[in-house]
Amino acid sequence: MQETVESNQAQAPIQPEPLVGFGFFVEVLNGIGVMLGLALLWFLEKLRNSFFRLLDRMNVKARARRGSAFPPGRPRRTQA
């Protein structure tokens, strides 16, 4: 047990390699893509909130009956 603890302490510290060239370009594009995706989600949330505020101002009530996870009509027969 003591040998494994001592061998772990003897390892050199991790040295990260700097990004240069194509790798740096890919990471920048990835960051821009993530930023644009989050901006799109934020914009769609703002649009949804404004739509529901408009419905509230127009005094549109919610559905009278509850929604269902199952489609309307008779269920299909299952073949056993």
PDB file of N, CA and C in Angstrom:
ATOM      1  N   MET A   1       0.819  -1.189   0.000  1.00  0.00           N
ATOM      2  CA  MET A   1       0.000   0.000   0.000  1.00  0.00           C
ATOM      3  C   MET A   1       0.863   1.253   0.000  1.00  0.00           C
ATOM      4  N   GLN A   2       1.950   1.224   0.757  1.00  0.00           N
ATOM      5  CA  GLN A   2       2.828   2.374   0.835  1.00  0.00           C
ATOM      6  C   GLN A   2       3.522   2.658  -0.499  1.00  0.00           C
ATOM      7  N   GLU A   3       3.806   1.622  -1.262  1.00  0.00           N
ATOM      8  CA  GLU A   3       4.510   1.810  -2.532  1.00  0.00           C
ATOM      9  C   GLU A   3       3.659   2.590  -3.535  1.00  0.00           C
ATOM     10  N   THR A   4       2.354   2.312  -3.588  1.00  0.00           N
ATOM     11  CA  THR A   4       1.496   3.022  -4.533  1.00  0.00           C
ATOM     12  C   THR A   4       1.344   4.485  -4.140  1.00  0.00           C
ATOM     13  N   VAL A   5       1.254   4.796  -2.868  1.00  0.00           N
ATOM     14  CA  VAL A   5       1.130   6.181  -2.428  1.00  0.00           C
ATOM     15  C   VAL A   5       2.400   6.947  -2.768  1.00  0.00           C
ATOM     16  N   GLU A   6       3.554   6.352  -2.544  1.00  0.00           N
ATOM     17  CA  GLU A   6       4.815   7.024  -2.843  1.00  0.00           C
ATOM     18  C   GLU A   6       5.003   7.203  -4.343  1.00  0.00           C
ATOM     19  N   SER A   7       4.580   6.242  -5.160  1.00  0.00           N
ATOM     20  CA  SER A   7       4.754   6.374  -6.607  1.00  0.00           C
ATOM     21  C   SER A   7       3.848   7.466  -7.163  1.00  0.00           C
ATOM     22  N   ASN A   8       2.650   7.656  -6.585  1.00  0.00           N
ATOM     23  CA  ASN A   8       1.762   8.722  -7.037  1.00  0.00           C
ATOM     24  C   ASN A   8       2.331  10.094  -6.697  1.00  0.00           C
ATOM     25  N   GLN A   9       3.004  10.216  -5.582  1.00  0.00           N
ATOM     26  CA  GLN A   9       3.580  11.497  -5.192  1.00  0.00           C
ATOM     27  C   GLN A   9       4.823  11.814  -6.009  1.00  0.00           C
ATOM     28  N   ALA A  10       5.482  10.811  -6.563  1.00  0.00           N
ATOM     29  CA  ALA A  10       6.708  11.041  -7.300  1.00  0.00           C
ATOM     30  C   ALA A  10       6.462  11.494  -8.737  1.00  0.00           C
ATOM     31  N   GLN A  11       5.218  11.453  -9.217  1.00  0.00           N
ATOM     32  CA  GLN A  11       4.939  11.857 -10.597  1.00  0.00           C
ATOM     33  C   GLN A  11       5.109  13.361 -10.757  1.00  0.00           C
ATOM     34  N   ALA A  12       5.497  13.763 -11.969  1.00  0.00           N
ATOM     35  CA  ALA A  12       5.685  15.185 -12.266  1.00  0.00           C
ATOM     36  C   ALA A  12       4.321  15.862 -12.402  1.00  0.00           C
ATOM     37  N   PRO A  13       4.237  17.151 -12.100  1.00  0.00           N
ATOM     38  CA  PRO A  13       2.962  17.860 -12.260  1.00  0.00           C
ATOM     39  C   PRO A  13       2.550  17.920 -13.733  1.00  0.00           C
ATOM     40  N   ILE A  14       1.264  18.003 -13.954  1.00  0.00           N
ATOM     41  CA  ILE A  14       0.719  18.023 -15.324  1.00  0.00           C
ATOM     42  C   ILE A  14       1.016  19.362 -15.966  1.00  0.00           C
ATOM     43  N   GLN A  15       1.545  19.316 -17.166  1.00  0.00           N
ATOM     44  CA  GLN A  15       1.843  20.521 -17.941  1.00  0.00           C
ATOM     45  C   GLN A  15       0.925  20.552 -19.168  1.00  0.00           C
ATOM     46  N   PRO A  16      -0.074  21.436 -19.215  1.00  0.00           N
ATOM     47  CA  PRO A  16      -0.942  21.493 -20.392  1.00  0.00           C
ATOM     48  C   PRO A  16      -0.195  22.072 -21.593  1.00  0.00           C
ATOM     49  N   GLU A  17      -0.497  21.523 -22.758  1.00  0.00           N
ATOM     50  CA  GLU A  17       0.135  22.027 -23.983  1.00  0.00           C
ATOM     51  C   GLU A  17      -0.679  23.193 -24.520  1.00  0.00           C
ATOM     52  N   PRO A  18      -0.036  24.267 -24.937  1.00  0.00           N
ATOM     53  CA  PRO A  18      -0.790  25.400 -25.475  1.00  0.00           C
ATOM     54  C   PRO A  18      -1.394  25.057 -26.838  1.00  0.00           C
ATOM     55  N   LEU A  19      -2.581  25.611 -27.095  1.00  0.00           N
ATOM     56  CA  LEU A  19      -3.228  25.400 -28.385  1.00  0.00           C
ATOM     57  C   LEU A  19      -2.624  26.343 -29.411  1.00  0.00           C
ATOM     58  N   VAL A  20      -2.210  25.811 -30.520  1.00  0.00           N
ATOM     59  CA  VAL A  20      -1.665  26.631 -31.603  1.00  0.00           C
ATOM     60  C   VAL A  20      -2.254  26.136 -32.916  1.00  0.00           C
ATOM     61  N   GLY A  21      -2.343  27.041 -33.877  1.00  0.00           N
ATOM     62  CA  GLY A  21      -2.756  26.666 -35.220  1.00  0.00           C
ATOM     63  C   GLY A  21      -4.201  26.225 -35.309  1.00  0.00           C
ATOM     64  N   PHE A  22      -4.419  25.077 -35.927  1.00  0.00           N
ATOM     65  CA  PHE A  22      -5.759  24.579 -36.230  1.00  0.00           C
ATOM     66  C   PHE A  22      -6.550  24.262 -34.965  1.00  0.00           C
ATOM     67  N   GLY A  23      -5.908  23.717 -33.940  1.00  0.00           N
ATOM     68  CA  GLY A  23      -6.600  23.403 -32.685  1.00  0.00           C
ATOM     69  C   GLY A  23      -7.184  24.632 -32.027  1.00  0.00           C
ATOM     70  N   PHE A  24      -6.435  25.732 -32.042  1.00  0.00           N
ATOM     71  CA  PHE A  24      -6.928  26.984 -31.481  1.00  0.00           C
ATOM     72  C   PHE A  24      -8.139  27.476 -32.264  1.00  0.00           C
ATOM     73  N   PHE A  25      -8.076  27.401 -33.591  1.00  0.00           N
ATOM     74  CA  PHE A  25      -9.167  27.834 -34.462  1.00  0.00           C
ATOM     75  C   PHE A  25     -10.430  27.011 -34.195  1.00  0.00           C
ATOM     76  N   VAL A  26     -10.270  25.700 -34.024  1.00  0.00           N
ATOM     77  CA  VAL A  26     -11.412  24.823 -33.750  1.00  0.00           C
ATOM     78  C   VAL A  26     -12.034  25.164 -32.405  1.00  0.00           C
ATOM     79  N   GLU A  27     -11.232  25.424 -31.393  1.00  0.00           N
ATOM     80  CA  GLU A  27     -11.764  25.766 -30.075  1.00  0.00           C
ATOM     81  C   GLU A  27     -12.496  27.103 -30.088  1.00  0.00           C
ATOM     82  N   VAL A  28     -11.993  28.064 -30.852  1.00  0.00           N
ATOM     83  CA  VAL A  28     -12.673  29.359 -30.971  1.00  0.00           C
ATOM     84  C   VAL A  28     -14.020  29.171 -31.664  1.00  0.00           C
ATOM     85  N   LEU A  29     -14.065  28.385 -32.742  1.00  0.00           N
ATOM     86  CA  LEU A  29     -15.326  28.129 -33.438  1.00  0.00           C
ATOM     87  C   LEU A  29     -16.308  27.386 -32.533  1.00  0.00           C
ATOM     88  N   ASN A  30     -15.808  26.460 -31.739  1.00  0.00           N
ATOM     89  CA  ASN A  30     -16.663  25.748 -30.800  1.00  0.00           C
ATOM     90  C   ASN A  30     -17.263  26.722 -29.784  1.00  0.00           C
ATOM     91  N   GLY A  31     -16.475  27.619 -29.266  1.00  0.00           N
ATOM     92  CA  GLY A  31     -16.971  28.613 -28.312  1.00  0.00           C
ATOM     93  C   GLY A  31     -18.015  29.520 -28.930  1.00  0.00           C
ATOM     94  N   ILE A  32     -17.783  29.944 -30.176  1.00  0.00           N
ATOM     95  CA  ILE A  32     -18.755  30.794 -30.872  1.00  0.00           C
ATOM     96  C   ILE A  32     -20.052  30.023 -31.102  1.00  0.00           C
ATOM     97  N   GLY A  33     -19.949  28.746 -31.458  1.00  0.00           N
ATOM     98  CA  GLY A  33     -21.145  27.929 -31.676  1.00  0.00           C
ATOM     99  C   GLY A  33     -21.963  27.762 -30.405  1.00  0.00           C
ATOM    100  N   VAL A  34     -21.299  27.519 -29.291  1.00  0.00           N
ATOM    101  CA  VAL A  34     -21.999  27.384 -28.014  1.00  0.00           C
ATOM    102  C   VAL A  34     -22.671  28.707 -27.652  1.00  0.00           C
ATOM    103  N   MET A  35     -21.961  29.813 -27.866  1.00  0.00           N
ATOM    104  CA  MET A  35     -22.513  31.119 -27.555  1.00  0.00           C
ATOM    105  C   MET A  35     -23.749  31.418 -28.408  1.00  0.00           C
ATOM    106  N   LEU A  36     -23.701  31.101 -29.693  1.00  0.00           N
ATOM    107  CA  LEU A  36     -24.845  31.337 -30.567  1.00  0.00           C
ATOM    108  C   LEU A  36     -26.023  30.429 -30.197  1.00  0.00           C
ATOM    109  N   GLY A  37     -25.740  29.200 -29.820  1.00  0.00           N
ATOM    110  CA  GLY A  37     -26.808  28.302 -29.404  1.00  0.00           C
ATOM    111  C   GLY A  37     -27.517  28.798 -28.157  1.00  0.00           C
ATOM    112  N   LEU A  38     -26.750  29.264 -27.180  1.00  0.00           N
ATOM    113  CA  LEU A  38     -27.361  29.804 -25.964  1.00  0.00           C
ATOM    114  C   LEU A  38     -28.132  31.083 -26.263  1.00  0.00           C
ATOM    115  N   ALA A  39     -27.625  31.912 -27.177  1.00  0.00           N
ATOM    116  CA  ALA A  39     -28.344  33.130 -27.554  1.00  0.00           C
ATOM    117  C   ALA A  39     -29.666  32.786 -28.241  1.00  0.00           C
ATOM    118  N   LEU A  40     -29.669  31.748 -29.065  1.00  0.00           N
ATOM    119  CA  LEU A  40     -30.902  31.314 -29.721  1.00  0.00           C
ATOM    120  C   LEU A  40     -31.924  30.832 -28.693  1.00  0.00           C
ATOM    121  N   LEU A  41     -31.482  30.034 -27.722  1.00  0.00           N
ATOM    122  CA  LEU A  41     -32.396  29.574 -26.680  1.00  0.00           C
ATOM    123  C   LEU A  41     -32.949  30.746 -25.871  1.00  0.00           C
ATOM    124  N   TRP A  42     -32.110  31.718 -25.574  1.00  0.00           N
ATOM    125  CA  TRP A  42     -32.542  32.879 -24.822  1.00  0.00           C
ATOM    126  C   TRP A  42     -33.579  33.661 -25.624  1.00  0.00           C
ATOM    127  N   PHE A  43     -33.340  33.839 -26.931  1.00  0.00           N
ATOM    128  CA  PHE A  43     -34.274  34.560 -27.787  1.00  0.00           C
ATOM    129  C   PHE A  43     -35.617  33.834 -27.863  1.00  0.00           C
ATOM    130  N   LEU A  44     -35.591  32.502 -28.009  1.00  0.00           N
ATOM    131  CA  LEU A  44     -36.843  31.741 -28.089  1.00  0.00           C
ATOM    132  C   LEU A  44     -37.615  31.807 -26.769  1.00  0.00           C
ATOM    133  N   GLU A  45     -36.907  31.842 -25.658  1.00  0.00           N
ATOM    134  CA  GLU A  45     -37.587  31.974 -24.371  1.00  0.00           C
ATOM    135  C   GLU A  45     -38.246  33.338 -24.252  1.00  0.00           C
ATOM    136  N   LYS A  46     -37.562  34.384 -24.709  1.00  0.00           N
ATOM    137  CA  LYS A  46     -38.153  35.725 -24.697  1.00  0.00           C
ATOM    138  C   LYS A  46     -39.382  35.779 -25.580  1.00  0.00           C
ATOM    139  N   LEU A  47     -39.330  35.160 -26.745  1.00  0.00           N
ATOM    140  CA  LEU A  47     -40.460  35.119 -27.670  1.00  0.00           C
ATOM    141  C   LEU A  47     -41.637  34.381 -27.038  1.00  0.00           C
ATOM    142  N   ARG A  48     -41.378  33.253 -26.393  1.00  0.00           N
ATOM    143  CA  ARG A  48     -42.430  32.486 -25.723  1.00  0.00           C
ATOM    144  C   ARG A  48     -43.070  33.294 -24.613  1.00  0.00           C
ATOM    145  N   ASN A  49     -42.243  33.968 -23.812  1.00  0.00           N
ATOM    146  CA  ASN A  49     -42.781  34.773 -22.713  1.00  0.00           C
ATOM    147  C   ASN A  49     -43.645  35.911 -23.228  1.00  0.00           C
ATOM    148  N   SER A  50     -43.216  36.573 -24.311  1.00  0.00           N
ATOM    149  CA  SER A  50     -44.016  37.671 -24.858  1.00  0.00           C
ATOM    150  C   SER A  50     -45.331  37.149 -25.444  1.00  0.00           C
ATOM    151  N   PHE A  51     -45.309  35.956 -26.045  1.00  0.00           N
ATOM    152  CA  PHE A  51     -46.530  35.371 -26.590  1.00  0.00           C
ATOM    153  C   PHE A  51     -47.535  35.082 -25.479  1.00  0.00           C
ATOM    154  N   PHE A  52     -47.073  34.502 -24.374  1.00  0.00           N
ATOM    155  CA  PHE A  52     -47.985  34.203 -23.277  1.00  0.00           C
ATOM    156  C   PHE A  52     -48.455  35.471 -22.579  1.00  0.00           C
ATOM    157  N   ARG A  53     -47.614  36.506 -22.524  1.00  0.00           N
ATOM    158  CA  ARG A  53     -48.074  37.784 -21.981  1.00  0.00           C
ATOM    159  C   ARG A  53     -49.179  38.377 -22.849  1.00  0.00           C
ATOM    160  N   LEU A  54     -49.036  38.248 -24.175  1.00  0.00           N
ATOM    161  CA  LEU A  54     -50.058  38.726 -25.095  1.00  0.00           C
ATOM    162  C   LEU A  54     -51.371  37.971 -24.878  1.00  0.00           C
ATOM    163  N   LEU A  55     -51.285  36.661 -24.704  1.00  0.00           N
ATOM    164  CA  LEU A  55     -52.494  35.880 -24.426  1.00  0.00           C
ATOM    165  C   LEU A  55     -53.141  36.313 -23.112  1.00  0.00           C
ATOM    166  N   ASP A  56     -52.330  36.636 -22.110  1.00  0.00           N
ATOM    167  CA  ASP A  56     -52.884  37.119 -20.846  1.00  0.00           C
ATOM    168  C   ASP A  56     -53.584  38.456 -21.023  1.00  0.00           C
ATOM    169  N   ARG A  57     -52.998  39.352 -21.803  1.00  0.00           N
ATOM    170  CA  ARG A  57     -53.626  40.658 -22.035  1.00  0.00           C
ATOM    171  C   ARG A  57     -54.933  40.527 -22.796  1.00  0.00           C
ATOM    172  N   MET A  58     -54.987  39.571 -23.716  1.00  0.00           N
ATOM    173  CA  MET A  58     -56.207  39.357 -24.501  1.00  0.00           C
ATOM    174  C   MET A  58     -57.234  38.546 -23.712  1.00  0.00           C
ATOM    175  N   ASN A  59     -56.877  38.160 -22.491  1.00  0.00           N
ATOM    176  CA  ASN A  59     -57.745  37.406 -21.591  1.00  0.00           C
ATOM    177  C   ASN A  59     -58.167  36.068 -22.207  1.00  0.00           C
ATOM    178  N   VAL A  60     -57.244  35.409 -22.876  1.00  0.00           N
ATOM    179  CA  VAL A  60     -57.502  34.085 -23.437  1.00  0.00           C
ATOM    180  C   VAL A  60     -57.275  33.073 -22.332  1.00  0.00           C
ATOM    181  N   LYS A  61     -58.302  32.289 -22.068  1.00  0.00           N
ATOM    182  CA  LYS A  61     -58.206  31.302 -21.000  1.00  0.00           C
ATOM    183  C   LYS A  61     -57.546  30.029 -21.511  1.00  0.00           C
ATOM    184  N   ALA A  62     -57.057  29.238 -20.580  1.00  0.00           N
ATOM    185  CA  ALA A  62     -56.462  27.951 -20.929  1.00  0.00           C
ATOM    186  C   ALA A  62     -57.564  26.989 -21.360  1.00  0.00           C
ATOM    187  N   ARG A  63     -57.168  25.809 -21.837  1.00  0.00           N
ATOM    188  CA  ARG A  63     -58.163  24.818 -22.257  1.00  0.00           C
ATOM    189  C   ARG A  63     -59.116  24.486 -21.128  1.00  0.00           C
ATOM    190  N   ALA A  64     -60.353  24.171 -21.521  1.00  0.00           N
ATOM    191  CA  ALA A  64     -61.341  23.786 -20.523  1.00  0.00           C
ATOM    192  C   ALA A  64     -61.067  22.365 -20.038  1.00  0.00           C
ATOM    193  N   ARG A  65     -60.598  21.491 -20.905  1.00  0.00           N
ATOM    194  CA  ARG A  65     -60.324  20.121 -20.490  1.00  0.00           C
ATOM    195  C   ARG A  65     -58.820  19.896 -20.404  1.00  0.00           C
ATOM    196  N   ARG A  66     -58.454  18.913 -19.654  1.00  0.00           N
ATOM    197  CA  ARG A  66     -57.036  18.628 -19.462  1.00  0.00           C
ATOM    198  C   ARG A  66     -56.446  17.975 -20.690  1.00  0.00           C
ATOM    199  N   GLY A  67     -55.187  18.194 -20.912  1.00  0.00           N
ATOM    200  CA  GLY A  67     -54.495  17.532 -22.000  1.00  0.00           C
ATOM    201  C   GLY A  67     -54.229  16.082 -21.654  1.00  0.00           C
ATOM    202  N   SER A  68     -54.011  15.273 -22.687  1.00  0.00           N
ATOM    203  CA  SER A  68     -53.778  13.857 -22.469  1.00  0.00           C
ATOM    204  C   SER A  68     -52.530  13.428 -23.229  1.00  0.00           C
ATOM    205  N   ALA A  69     -51.852  12.445 -22.691  1.00  0.00           N
ATOM    206  CA  ALA A  69     -50.669  11.920 -23.354  1.00  0.00           C
ATOM    207  C   ALA A  69     -51.034  10.947 -24.459  1.00  0.00           C
ATOM    208  N   PHE A  70     -52.312  10.522 -24.481  1.00  0.00           N
ATOM    209  CA  PHE A  70     -52.748   9.527 -25.458  1.00  0.00           C
ATOM    210  C   PHE A  70     -53.535  10.194 -26.575  1.00  0.00           C
ATOM    211  N   PRO A  71     -53.380   9.737 -27.822  1.00  0.00           N
ATOM    212  CA  PRO A  71     -54.110  10.346 -28.932  1.00  0.00           C
ATOM    213  C   PRO A  71     -55.604  10.019 -28.842  1.00  0.00           C
ATOM    214  N   PRO A  72     -56.464  10.841 -29.457  1.00  0.00           N
ATOM    215  CA  PRO A  72     -57.897  10.572 -29.396  1.00  0.00           C
ATOM    216  C   PRO A  72     -58.257   9.342 -30.243  1.00  0.00           C
ATOM    217  N   GLY A  73     -59.405   8.764 -29.942  1.00  0.00           N
ATOM    218  CA  GLY A  73     -59.865   7.611 -30.700  1.00  0.00           C
ATOM    219  C   GLY A  73     -59.684   6.324 -29.929  1.00  0.00           C
ATOM    220  N   ARG A  74     -60.117   5.258 -30.569  1.00  0.00           N
ATOM    221  CA  ARG A  74     -60.009   3.942 -29.941  1.00  0.00           C
ATOM    222  C   ARG A  74     -58.584   3.435 -30.017  1.00  0.00           C
ATOM    223  N   PRO A  75     -58.125   2.740 -28.988  1.00  0.00           N
ATOM    224  CA  PRO A  75     -56.765   2.195 -29.040  1.00  0.00           C
ATOM    225  C   PRO A  75     -56.675   1.043 -30.027  1.00  0.00           C
ATOM    226  N   ARG A  76     -55.516   0.868 -30.605  1.00  0.00           N
ATOM    227  CA  ARG A  76     -55.287  -0.233 -31.543  1.00  0.00           C
ATOM    228  C   ARG A  76     -55.235  -1.553 -30.801  1.00  0.00           C
ATOM    229  N   ARG A  77     -55.611  -2.601 -31.506  1.00  0.00           N
ATOM    230  CA  ARG A  77     -55.500  -3.929 -30.909  1.00  0.00           C
ATOM    231  C   ARG A  77     -54.054  -4.382 -30.962  1.00  0.00           C
ATOM    232  N   THR A  78     -53.601  -4.960 -29.889  1.00  0.00           N
ATOM    233  CA  THR A  78     -52.234  -5.477 -29.861  1.00  0.00           C
ATOM    234  C   THR A  78     -52.256  -6.949 -30.224  1.00  0.00           C
ATOM    235  N   GLN A  79     -51.334  -7.354 -31.069  1.00  0.00           N
ATOM    236  CA  GLN A  79     -51.264  -8.755 -31.467  1.00  0.00           C
ATOM    237  C   GLN A  79     -50.330  -9.486 -30.507  1.00  0.00           C
ATOM    238  N   ALA A  80     -50.832 -10.553 -29.932  1.00  0.00           N
ATOM    239  CA  ALA A  80     -50.031 -11.293 -28.964  1.00  0.00           C
ATOM    240  C   ALA A  80     -49.348 -12.473 -29.589  1.00  0.00           C
TER     241      ALA A  80
END
